[in-house]
Amino acid sequence: METPEALLARLELKVVRPLDGLLFGDYRGVFYGKSLELAEIAPYQPGDEAERIDWPATARTGEVHVRRFREEKELTLWLLLDGSPSMRFGSRRREKYALALELALSMAYIALRHGNRVGAVLPSGLLPPRGGKSQALLLAQEAQKEGPARPLAEGLDLLGRVARRRSLVFVLSDFLDPFAEALARLAARHDVVAVLVEDPLERALPEGGVWRFRDPERGLEVEVNAFDPRVREAYRKRAEALRAHRIREIGKVGADLLLASTEMDLLPLLLGLVERRRRWPSRAQKPSS
């Protein structure tokens, strides 16, 4: 395993600097969108967005009112790294957790370089948000520590309790645990990006071979005969149905989605994130509470 210092140095050289060169430092509104806090509740004016309507004030006064916001200069990035046993699987370059960690560190490094704060919910515990390059090193150190297998929903609710101001939140997980209700609560208050981390072997079997799978959550084992095309097709259909269900659940709660697979390079992944964020509608209309 790389030391935290070596991991950060590699990511800075191979990912962060090339990305900065390609984007010319233009991260504002891409990774973060707008970070807004409530300034006032005022009567509706032509041109106000419907999503800003304050329904309690509208019902109380009998006149349509909207929430108006002011932009915050300092932004907070929260990262949730799912440390469940299923995240320790990987059939290609790396385990799913290793990919999630590298993505999280790259995004944290970028945020910190631009004067923002970063906090995290990790398997080892809570890392309060702070600024400065030392926070990236602390994040790398803490994220490599082993911790209890906290259910994903528990981690989401913990983050919801500690992130009091509206923030950008990246949830990096395979989303195999129940998550929809907790993610919905979080997405109601924050700009949430769900990073669905997966491995190619979880979607399709290669032709040939007898594969033995072990459920890391329950310890159950099963052998699968990949020589049989019917078995491969049944496996593919089942895997695709489960994947589609997770994607639908993420979409329904209002979180944005990024797909990340263990055979991918980090730089194209982050460039893809940039392009998607530029096209996604702003979540700035969500009220802070």
C-alpha atoms as a PDB file:
ATOM      1  CA  MET A   1       0.000   0.000   0.000  1.00  0.00           C
ATOM      2  CA  GLU A   2       1.223   3.496  -0.866  1.00  0.00           C
ATOM      3  CA  THR A   3       1.987   5.853   1.971  1.00  0.00           C
ATOM      4  CA  PRO A   4      -0.432   8.799   2.228  1.00  0.00           C
ATOM      5  CA  GLU A   5       2.368  11.135   1.140  1.00  0.00           C
ATOM      6  CA  ALA A   6       3.193   9.039  -1.934  1.00  0.00           C
ATOM      7  CA  LEU A   7      -0.480   8.687  -2.856  1.00  0.00           C
ATOM      8  CA  LEU A   8      -1.051  12.449  -2.728  1.00  0.00           C
ATOM      9  CA  ALA A   9       2.127  13.151  -4.702  1.00  0.00           C
ATOM     10  CA  ARG A  10       1.061  10.709  -7.430  1.00  0.00           C
ATOM     11  CA  LEU A  11      -2.434  12.176  -7.666  1.00  0.00           C
ATOM     12  CA  GLU A  12      -1.096  15.726  -7.812  1.00  0.00           C
ATOM     13  CA  LEU A  13       1.310  14.840 -10.623  1.00  0.00           C
ATOM     14  CA  LYS A  14      -0.900  12.472 -12.650  1.00  0.00           C
ATOM     15  CA  VAL A  15      -4.382  13.908 -12.082  1.00  0.00           C
ATOM     16  CA  VAL A  16      -4.700  17.310 -10.398  1.00  0.00           C
ATOM     17  CA  ARG A  17      -2.070  19.233 -12.363  1.00  0.00           C
ATOM     18  CA  PRO A  18      -3.126  17.864 -15.773  1.00  0.00           C
ATOM     19  CA  LEU A  19      -6.771  18.573 -14.937  1.00  0.00           C
ATOM     20  CA  ASP A  20      -5.891  22.101 -13.816  1.00  0.00           C
ATOM     21  CA  GLY A  21      -4.038  22.615 -17.107  1.00  0.00           C
ATOM     22  CA  LEU A  22      -6.961  21.380 -19.175  1.00  0.00           C
ATOM     23  CA  LEU A  23      -9.475  23.543 -17.321  1.00  0.00           C
ATOM     24  CA  PHE A  24      -7.197  26.563 -16.744  1.00  0.00           C
ATOM     25  CA  GLY A  25      -8.333  26.606 -13.132  1.00  0.00           C
ATOM     26  CA  ASP A  26     -12.002  26.988 -14.113  1.00  0.00           C
ATOM     27  CA  TYR A  27     -13.548  24.879 -11.349  1.00  0.00           C
ATOM     28  CA  ARG A  28     -16.063  27.386 -10.018  1.00  0.00           C
ATOM     29  CA  GLY A  29     -19.558  26.396 -11.011  1.00  0.00           C
ATOM     30  CA  VAL A  30     -18.255  23.008 -12.189  1.00  0.00           C
ATOM     31  CA  PHE A  31     -17.345  21.117  -9.055  1.00  0.00           C
ATOM     32  CA  TYR A  32     -19.208  23.393  -6.716  1.00  0.00           C
ATOM     33  CA  GLY A  33     -22.007  25.166  -8.552  1.00  0.00           C
ATOM     34  CA  LYS A  34     -23.300  27.984  -6.362  1.00  0.00           C
ATOM     35  CA  SER A  35     -23.156  27.849  -2.596  1.00  0.00           C
ATOM     36  CA  LEU A  36     -26.018  29.966  -1.354  1.00  0.00           C
ATOM     37  CA  GLU A  37     -27.531  30.946   1.957  1.00  0.00           C
ATOM     38  CA  LEU A  38     -30.986  32.377   2.524  1.00  0.00           C
ATOM     39  CA  ALA A  39     -31.084  36.194   2.442  1.00  0.00           C
ATOM     40  CA  GLU A  40     -34.823  36.947   2.499  1.00  0.00           C
ATOM     41  CA  ILE A  41     -38.332  35.755   1.673  1.00  0.00           C
ATOM     42  CA  ALA A  42     -39.960  38.216  -0.705  1.00  0.00           C
ATOM     43  CA  PRO A  43     -43.076  38.505  -2.927  1.00  0.00           C
ATOM     44  CA  TYR A  44     -42.793  36.768  -6.285  1.00  0.00           C
ATOM     45  CA  GLN A  45     -41.502  38.846  -9.203  1.00  0.00           C
ATOM     46  CA  PRO A  46     -41.744  37.933 -12.910  1.00  0.00           C
ATOM     47  CA  GLY A  47     -38.682  35.880 -13.775  1.00  0.00           C
ATOM     48  CA  ASP A  48     -38.324  34.216 -10.362  1.00  0.00           C
ATOM     49  CA  GLU A  49     -37.857  30.475 -10.617  1.00  0.00           C
ATOM     50  CA  ALA A  50     -40.751  28.290  -9.492  1.00  0.00           C
ATOM     51  CA  GLU A  51     -38.372  26.075  -7.484  1.00  0.00           C
ATOM     52  CA  ARG A  52     -37.689  29.052  -5.173  1.00  0.00           C
ATOM     53  CA  ILE A  53     -41.315  29.399  -4.063  1.00  0.00           C
ATOM     54  CA  ASP A  54     -41.615  29.345  -0.258  1.00  0.00           C
ATOM     55  CA  TRP A  55     -44.848  27.424   0.247  1.00  0.00           C
ATOM     56  CA  PRO A  56     -45.311  28.089   3.997  1.00  0.00           C
ATOM     57  CA  ALA A  57     -45.004  31.868   3.434  1.00  0.00           C
ATOM     58  CA  THR A  58     -47.295  31.635   0.390  1.00  0.00           C
ATOM     59  CA  ALA A  59     -49.971  29.774   2.374  1.00  0.00           C
ATOM     60  CA  ARG A  60     -49.639  32.150   5.338  1.00  0.00           C
ATOM     61  CA  THR A  61     -49.975  35.386   3.329  1.00  0.00           C
ATOM     62  CA  GLY A  62     -52.147  34.251   0.428  1.00  0.00           C
ATOM     63  CA  GLU A  63     -49.563  35.750  -1.935  1.00  0.00           C
ATOM     64  CA  VAL A  64     -46.780  33.853  -3.724  1.00  0.00           C
ATOM     65  CA  HIS A  65     -43.446  34.369  -1.988  1.00  0.00           C
ATOM     66  CA  VAL A  66     -39.984  33.154  -3.043  1.00  0.00           C
ATOM     67  CA  ARG A  67     -36.695  32.628  -1.291  1.00  0.00           C
ATOM     68  CA  ARG A  68     -33.835  34.877  -2.327  1.00  0.00           C
ATOM     69  CA  PHE A  69     -30.274  33.871  -1.637  1.00  0.00           C
ATOM     70  CA  ARG A  70     -26.838  35.418  -1.365  1.00  0.00           C
ATOM     71  CA  GLU A  71     -23.705  33.701  -2.577  1.00  0.00           C
ATOM     72  CA  GLU A  72     -21.118  32.500  -0.109  1.00  0.00           C
ATOM     73  CA  LYS A  73     -17.462  33.003  -0.941  1.00  0.00           C
ATOM     74  CA  GLU A  74     -16.204  30.032   1.036  1.00  0.00           C
ATOM     75  CA  LEU A  75     -17.471  26.622   0.023  1.00  0.00           C
ATOM     76  CA  THR A  76     -17.435  23.343   1.927  1.00  0.00           C
ATOM     77  CA  LEU A  77     -16.926  19.979   0.267  1.00  0.00           C
ATOM     78  CA  TRP A  78     -18.015  16.891   2.188  1.00  0.00           C
ATOM     79  CA  LEU A  79     -16.944  13.392   1.193  1.00  0.00           C
ATOM     80  CA  LEU A  80     -18.540  10.154   2.335  1.00  0.00           C
ATOM     81  CA  LEU A  81     -16.395   7.087   1.679  1.00  0.00           C
ATOM     82  CA  ASP A  82     -18.338   3.841   2.044  1.00  0.00           C
ATOM     83  CA  GLY A  83     -16.113   1.325   3.826  1.00  0.00           C
ATOM     84  CA  SER A  84     -18.474  -1.659   3.649  1.00  0.00           C
ATOM     85  CA  PRO A  85     -16.921  -5.065   2.852  1.00  0.00           C
ATOM     86  CA  SER A  86     -18.351  -5.068  -0.683  1.00  0.00           C
ATOM     87  CA  MET A  87     -16.221  -2.001  -1.471  1.00  0.00           C
ATOM     88  CA  ARG A  88     -13.083  -4.110  -0.936  1.00  0.00           C
ATOM     89  CA  PHE A  89     -13.765  -6.044  -4.148  1.00  0.00           C
ATOM     90  CA  GLY A  90     -11.913  -5.479  -7.404  1.00  0.00           C
ATOM     91  CA  SER A  91     -11.128  -7.662 -10.416  1.00  0.00           C
ATOM     92  CA  ARG A  92      -9.098  -5.111 -12.406  1.00  0.00           C
ATOM     93  CA  ARG A  93      -6.544  -2.482 -11.478  1.00  0.00           C
ATOM     94  CA  ARG A  94      -7.796  -1.744  -7.990  1.00  0.00           C
ATOM     95  CA  GLU A  95     -10.469  -2.410  -5.418  1.00  0.00           C
ATOM     96  CA  LYS A  96     -13.587  -0.281  -5.490  1.00  0.00           C
ATOM     97  CA  TYR A  97     -12.574   1.401  -2.237  1.00  0.00           C
ATOM     98  CA  ALA A  98      -9.163   2.312  -3.670  1.00  0.00           C
ATOM     99  CA  LEU A  99     -10.816   3.969  -6.666  1.00  0.00           C
ATOM    100  CA  ALA A 100     -13.238   5.831  -4.394  1.00  0.00           C
ATOM    101  CA  LEU A 101     -10.353   7.022  -2.247  1.00  0.00           C
ATOM    102  CA  GLU A 102      -8.356   8.300  -5.224  1.00  0.00           C
ATOM    103  CA  LEU A 103     -11.388  10.153  -6.577  1.00  0.00           C
ATOM    104  CA  ALA A 104     -12.130  11.643  -3.161  1.00  0.00           C
ATOM    105  CA  LEU A 105      -8.539  12.795  -2.639  1.00  0.00           C
ATOM    106  CA  SER A 106      -8.358  14.335  -6.114  1.00  0.00           C
ATOM    107  CA  MET A 107     -11.527  16.339  -5.537  1.00  0.00           C
ATOM    108  CA  ALA A 108     -10.419  17.323  -2.039  1.00  0.00           C
ATOM    109  CA  TYR A 109      -7.040  18.475  -3.338  1.00  0.00           C
ATOM    110  CA  ILE A 110      -8.736  20.671  -5.964  1.00  0.00           C
ATOM    111  CA  ALA A 111     -11.118  22.192  -3.408  1.00  0.00           C
ATOM    112  CA  LEU A 112      -8.327  22.906  -0.952  1.00  0.00           C
ATOM    113  CA  ARG A 113      -6.113  24.450  -3.650  1.00  0.00           C
ATOM    114  CA  HIS A 114      -8.869  26.964  -4.311  1.00  0.00           C
ATOM    115  CA  GLY A 115      -9.241  28.051  -0.697  1.00  0.00           C
ATOM    116  CA  ASN A 116     -12.206  25.919   0.321  1.00  0.00           C
ATOM    117  CA  ARG A 117     -12.768  23.549   3.229  1.00  0.00           C
ATOM    118  CA  VAL A 118     -13.082  19.758   3.093  1.00  0.00           C
ATOM    119  CA  GLY A 119     -14.610  17.359   5.594  1.00  0.00           C
ATOM    120  CA  ALA A 120     -15.298  13.634   5.395  1.00  0.00           C
ATOM    121  CA  VAL A 121     -17.204  10.706   6.843  1.00  0.00           C
ATOM    122  CA  LEU A 122     -14.771   7.777   6.718  1.00  0.00           C
ATOM    123  CA  PRO A 123     -14.715   4.167   7.945  1.00  0.00           C
ATOM    124  CA  SER A 124     -12.377   5.340  10.717  1.00  0.00           C
ATOM    125  CA  GLY A 125     -14.699   8.148  11.790  1.00  0.00           C
ATOM    126  CA  LEU A 126     -15.516  11.800  11.157  1.00  0.00           C
ATOM    127  CA  LEU A 127     -13.000  14.296   9.758  1.00  0.00           C
ATOM    128  CA  PRO A 128     -14.257  17.845  10.497  1.00  0.00           C
ATOM    129  CA  PRO A 129     -14.021  20.321   7.607  1.00  0.00           C
ATOM    130  CA  ARG A 130     -10.845  22.397   7.439  1.00  0.00           C
ATOM    131  CA  GLY A 131      -8.770  24.137   4.820  1.00  0.00           C
ATOM    132  CA  GLY A 132      -5.120  23.899   3.868  1.00  0.00           C
ATOM    133  CA  LYS A 133      -2.925  21.286   2.241  1.00  0.00           C
ATOM    134  CA  SER A 134      -2.456  19.492   5.556  1.00  0.00           C
ATOM    135  CA  GLN A 135      -6.148  18.540   5.431  1.00  0.00           C
ATOM    136  CA  ALA A 136      -5.524  16.518   2.254  1.00  0.00           C
ATOM    137  CA  LEU A 137      -2.743  14.593   3.982  1.00  0.00           C
ATOM    138  CA  LEU A 138      -4.916  13.986   7.045  1.00  0.00           C
ATOM    139  CA  LEU A 139      -7.724  12.765   4.796  1.00  0.00           C
ATOM    140  CA  ALA A 140      -5.365  10.325   3.063  1.00  0.00           C
ATOM    141  CA  GLN A 141      -4.093   9.053   6.406  1.00  0.00           C
ATOM    142  CA  GLU A 142      -7.503   8.590   7.992  1.00  0.00           C
ATOM    143  CA  ALA A 143      -9.117   7.060   4.898  1.00  0.00           C
ATOM    144  CA  GLN A 144      -6.514   4.279   4.811  1.00  0.00           C
ATOM    145  CA  LYS A 145      -7.304   3.223   8.380  1.00  0.00           C
ATOM    146  CA  GLU A 146      -9.603   0.286   8.977  1.00  0.00           C
ATOM    147  CA  GLY A 147     -12.890   0.979  10.677  1.00  0.00           C
ATOM    148  CA  PRO A 148     -16.185  -0.698  11.560  1.00  0.00           C
ATOM    149  CA  ALA A 149     -18.514  -1.628   8.702  1.00  0.00           C
ATOM    150  CA  ARG A 150     -20.956   1.251   9.187  1.00  0.00           C
ATOM    151  CA  PRO A 151     -24.184   0.847   7.142  1.00  0.00           C
ATOM    152  CA  LEU A 152     -24.378   3.397   4.343  1.00  0.00           C
ATOM    153  CA  ALA A 153     -27.624   4.900   5.637  1.00  0.00           C
ATOM    154  CA  GLU A 154     -25.990   5.468   9.025  1.00  0.00           C
ATOM    155  CA  GLY A 155     -23.096   7.309   7.403  1.00  0.00           C
ATOM    156  CA  LEU A 156     -25.495   9.458   5.346  1.00  0.00           C
ATOM    157  CA  ASP A 157     -27.488  10.417   8.437  1.00  0.00           C
ATOM    158  CA  LEU A 158     -24.289  11.209  10.349  1.00  0.00           C
ATOM    159  CA  LEU A 159     -23.209  13.537   7.571  1.00  0.00           C
ATOM    160  CA  GLY A 160     -26.640  15.140   7.557  1.00  0.00           C
ATOM    161  CA  ARG A 161     -26.303  15.924  11.277  1.00  0.00           C
ATOM    162  CA  VAL A 162     -22.821  17.454  11.108  1.00  0.00           C
ATOM    163  CA  ALA A 163     -23.110  19.353   7.787  1.00  0.00           C
ATOM    164  CA  ARG A 164     -25.217  22.222   9.053  1.00  0.00           C
ATOM    165  CA  ARG A 165     -24.631  24.664   6.200  1.00  0.00           C
ATOM    166  CA  ARG A 166     -25.497  23.860   2.615  1.00  0.00           C
ATOM    167  CA  SER A 167     -22.530  22.064   1.040  1.00  0.00           C
ATOM    168  CA  LEU A 168     -21.448  20.033  -1.927  1.00  0.00           C
ATOM    169  CA  VAL A 169     -21.464  16.365  -0.913  1.00  0.00           C
ATOM    170  CA  PHE A 170     -19.877  13.467  -2.782  1.00  0.00           C
ATOM    171  CA  VAL A 171     -21.088  10.036  -1.680  1.00  0.00           C
ATOM    172  CA  LEU A 172     -18.698   7.384  -3.001  1.00  0.00           C
ATOM    173  CA  SER A 173     -20.244   3.927  -2.677  1.00  0.00           C
ATOM    174  CA  ASP A 174     -21.450   0.862  -4.548  1.00  0.00           C
ATOM    175  CA  PHE A 175     -24.883   1.550  -3.009  1.00  0.00           C
ATOM    176  CA  LEU A 176     -25.514  -2.111  -2.227  1.00  0.00           C
ATOM    177  CA  ASP A 177     -26.826  -1.254   1.251  1.00  0.00           C
ATOM    178  CA  PRO A 178     -30.298   0.296   1.644  1.00  0.00           C
ATOM    179  CA  PHE A 179     -29.766   4.022   1.079  1.00  0.00           C
ATOM    180  CA  ALA A 180     -32.737   5.735  -0.600  1.00  0.00           C
ATOM    181  CA  GLU A 181     -34.435   7.338   2.423  1.00  0.00           C
ATOM    182  CA  ALA A 182     -31.203   8.571   4.007  1.00  0.00           C
ATOM    183  CA  LEU A 183     -29.900   9.885   0.674  1.00  0.00           C
ATOM    184  CA  ALA A 184     -33.195  11.714   0.095  1.00  0.00           C
ATOM    185  CA  ARG A 185     -32.873  13.457   3.474  1.00  0.00           C
ATOM    186  CA  LEU A 186     -29.352  14.545   2.623  1.00  0.00           C
ATOM    187  CA  ALA A 187     -30.200  15.677  -0.926  1.00  0.00           C
ATOM    188  CA  ALA A 188     -33.056  17.813   0.396  1.00  0.00           C
ATOM    189  CA  ARG A 189     -30.534  20.103   2.110  1.00  0.00           C
ATOM    190  CA  HIS A 190     -27.321  19.749   0.105  1.00  0.00           C
ATOM    191  CA  ASP A 191     -25.982  19.521  -3.442  1.00  0.00           C
ATOM    192  CA  VAL A 192     -25.343  15.763  -3.554  1.00  0.00           C
ATOM    193  CA  VAL A 193     -23.384  13.827  -6.158  1.00  0.00           C
ATOM    194  CA  ALA A 194     -23.682  10.058  -5.848  1.00  0.00           C
ATOM    195  CA  VAL A 195     -20.594   8.322  -7.237  1.00  0.00           C
ATOM    196  CA  LEU A 196     -21.644   4.760  -8.048  1.00  0.00           C
ATOM    197  CA  VAL A 197     -18.429   2.721  -7.813  1.00  0.00           C
ATOM    198  CA  GLU A 198     -18.536  -0.617  -9.606  1.00  0.00           C
ATOM    199  CA  ASP A 199     -16.374  -3.362 -11.086  1.00  0.00           C
ATOM    200  CA  PRO A 200     -16.810  -4.942 -14.561  1.00  0.00           C
ATOM    201  CA  LEU A 201     -17.126  -8.417 -13.062  1.00  0.00           C
ATOM    202  CA  GLU A 202     -20.194  -7.252 -11.168  1.00  0.00           C
ATOM    203  CA  ARG A 203     -21.965  -6.588 -14.485  1.00  0.00           C
ATOM    204  CA  ALA A 204     -20.965  -9.534 -16.698  1.00  0.00           C
ATOM    205  CA  LEU A 205     -19.042 -12.802 -16.531  1.00  0.00           C
ATOM    206  CA  PRO A 206     -16.206 -13.517 -18.963  1.00  0.00           C
ATOM    207  CA  GLU A 207     -16.644 -16.494 -21.248  1.00  0.00           C
ATOM    208  CA  GLY A 208     -15.300 -19.664 -19.650  1.00  0.00           C
ATOM    209  CA  GLY A 209     -14.155 -20.651 -16.212  1.00  0.00           C
ATOM    210  CA  VAL A 210     -15.803 -21.578 -12.952  1.00  0.00           C
ATOM    211  CA  TRP A 211     -16.053 -18.566 -10.686  1.00  0.00           C
ATOM    212  CA  ARG A 212     -16.449 -18.688  -6.942  1.00  0.00           C
ATOM    213  CA  PHE A 213     -18.142 -15.683  -5.424  1.00  0.00           C
ATOM    214  CA  ARG A 214     -18.248 -14.829  -1.745  1.00  0.00           C
ATOM    215  CA  ASP A 215     -20.736 -12.392  -0.254  1.00  0.00           C
ATOM    216  CA  PRO A 216     -18.507 -10.221   1.980  1.00  0.00           C
ATOM    217  CA  GLU A 217     -21.483  -8.982   3.968  1.00  0.00           C
ATOM    218  CA  ARG A 218     -22.850 -12.425   4.958  1.00  0.00           C
ATOM    219  CA  GLY A 219     -19.989 -14.807   4.175  1.00  0.00           C
ATOM    220  CA  LEU A 220     -22.019 -16.914   1.737  1.00  0.00           C
ATOM    221  CA  GLU A 221     -20.198 -18.578  -1.187  1.00  0.00           C
ATOM    222  CA  VAL A 222     -21.460 -19.786  -4.556  1.00  0.00           C
ATOM    223  CA  GLU A 223     -19.843 -21.280  -7.649  1.00  0.00           C
ATOM    224  CA  VAL A 224     -20.865 -20.049 -11.112  1.00  0.00           C
ATOM    225  CA  ASN A 225     -20.168 -22.001 -14.311  1.00  0.00           C
ATOM    226  CA  ALA A 226     -19.265 -19.323 -16.886  1.00  0.00           C
ATOM    227  CA  PHE A 227     -18.836 -21.932 -19.645  1.00  0.00           C
ATOM    228  CA  ASP A 228     -22.631 -22.081 -19.920  1.00  0.00           C
ATOM    229  CA  PRO A 229     -23.976 -19.160 -22.017  1.00  0.00           C
ATOM    230  CA  ARG A 230     -27.354 -19.424 -20.283  1.00  0.00           C
ATOM    231  CA  VAL A 231     -25.672 -18.848 -16.938  1.00  0.00           C
ATOM    232  CA  ARG A 232     -23.774 -15.845 -18.300  1.00  0.00           C
ATOM    233  CA  GLU A 233     -26.953 -14.332 -19.722  1.00  0.00           C
ATOM    234  CA  ALA A 234     -28.918 -14.880 -16.516  1.00  0.00           C
ATOM    235  CA  TYR A 235     -26.068 -13.317 -14.528  1.00  0.00           C
ATOM    236  CA  ARG A 236     -25.950 -10.308 -16.884  1.00  0.00           C
ATOM    237  CA  LYS A 237     -29.698  -9.714 -16.726  1.00  0.00           C
ATOM    238  CA  ARG A 238     -29.793  -9.967 -12.942  1.00  0.00           C
ATOM    239  CA  ALA A 239     -26.804  -7.655 -12.557  1.00  0.00           C
ATOM    240  CA  GLU A 240     -28.257  -5.111 -14.975  1.00  0.00           C
ATOM    241  CA  ALA A 241     -31.612  -5.112 -13.173  1.00  0.00           C
ATOM    242  CA  LEU A 242     -29.927  -4.461  -9.814  1.00  0.00           C
ATOM    243  CA  ARG A 243     -27.791  -1.698 -11.317  1.00  0.00           C
ATOM    244  CA  ALA A 244     -30.784  -0.048 -12.980  1.00  0.00           C
ATOM    245  CA  HIS A 245     -32.672  -0.134  -9.684  1.00  0.00           C
ATOM    246  CA  ARG A 246     -29.842   1.661  -7.852  1.00  0.00           C
ATOM    247  CA  ILE A 247     -29.586   4.288 -10.590  1.00  0.00           C
ATOM    248  CA  ARG A 248     -33.359   4.914 -10.473  1.00  0.00           C
ATOM    249  CA  GLU A 249     -33.288   5.272  -6.679  1.00  0.00           C
ATOM    250  CA  ILE A 250     -30.452   7.799  -6.864  1.00  0.00           C
ATOM    251  CA  GLY A 251     -32.293   9.796  -9.519  1.00  0.00           C
ATOM    252  CA  LYS A 252     -35.583   9.781  -7.618  1.00  0.00           C
ATOM    253  CA  VAL A 253     -34.105  11.440  -4.523  1.00  0.00           C
ATOM    254  CA  GLY A 254     -32.697  14.346  -6.531  1.00  0.00           C
ATOM    255  CA  ALA A 255     -29.011  13.462  -6.320  1.00  0.00           C
ATOM    256  CA  ASP A 256     -26.740  13.749  -9.344  1.00  0.00           C
ATOM    257  CA  LEU A 257     -25.020  10.590 -10.570  1.00  0.00           C
ATOM    258  CA  LEU A 258     -21.480   9.768 -11.638  1.00  0.00           C
ATOM    259  CA  LEU A 259     -20.576   6.213 -12.726  1.00  0.00           C
ATOM    260  CA  ALA A 260     -17.052   5.081 -11.852  1.00  0.00           C
ATOM    261  CA  SER A 261     -15.604   1.667 -12.667  1.00  0.00           C
ATOM    262  CA  THR A 262     -12.369   0.108 -11.449  1.00  0.00           C
ATOM    263  CA  GLU A 263     -10.904  -0.238 -14.950  1.00  0.00           C
ATOM    264  CA  MET A 264     -11.171   3.514 -15.631  1.00  0.00           C
ATOM    265  CA  ASP A 265      -8.390   6.096 -15.445  1.00  0.00           C
ATOM    266  CA  LEU A 266      -8.935   8.933 -12.999  1.00  0.00           C
ATOM    267  CA  LEU A 267      -8.281  11.829 -15.356  1.00  0.00           C
ATOM    268  CA  PRO A 268     -11.006  10.898 -17.925  1.00  0.00           C
ATOM    269  CA  LEU A 269     -13.373  10.192 -15.030  1.00  0.00           C
ATOM    270  CA  LEU A 270     -12.885  13.658 -13.571  1.00  0.00           C
ATOM    271  CA  LEU A 271     -13.080  15.310 -16.972  1.00  0.00           C
ATOM    272  CA  GLY A 272     -16.363  13.492 -17.503  1.00  0.00           C
ATOM    273  CA  LEU A 273     -17.560  14.817 -14.156  1.00  0.00           C
ATOM    274  CA  VAL A 274     -16.647  18.349 -15.216  1.00  0.00           C
ATOM    275  CA  GLU A 275     -18.612  18.076 -18.451  1.00  0.00           C
ATOM    276  CA  ARG A 276     -21.642  16.605 -16.686  1.00  0.00           C
ATOM    277  CA  ARG A 277     -21.606  19.296 -13.973  1.00  0.00           C
ATOM    278  CA  ARG A 278     -21.581  21.962 -16.654  1.00  0.00           C
ATOM    279  CA  ARG A 279     -24.745  20.487 -18.140  1.00  0.00           C
ATOM    280  CA  TRP A 280     -26.580  19.615 -14.908  1.00  0.00           C
ATOM    281  CA  PRO A 281     -29.195  22.089 -13.679  1.00  0.00           C
ATOM    282  CA  SER A 282     -28.088  24.082 -10.672  1.00  0.00           C
ATOM    283  CA  ARG A 283     -29.144  22.801  -7.256  1.00  0.00           C
ATOM    284  CA  ALA A 284     -28.753  26.299  -5.851  1.00  0.00           C
ATOM    285  CA  GLN A 285     -32.504  26.637  -5.327  1.00  0.00           C
ATOM    286  CA  LYS A 286     -32.507  24.169  -2.461  1.00  0.00           C
ATOM    287  CA  PRO A 287     -33.098  26.041   0.811  1.00  0.00           C
ATOM    288  CA  SER A 288     -30.616  25.783   3.639  1.00  0.00           C
ATOM    289  CA  SER A 289     -31.972  24.899   6.998  1.00  0.00           C
END
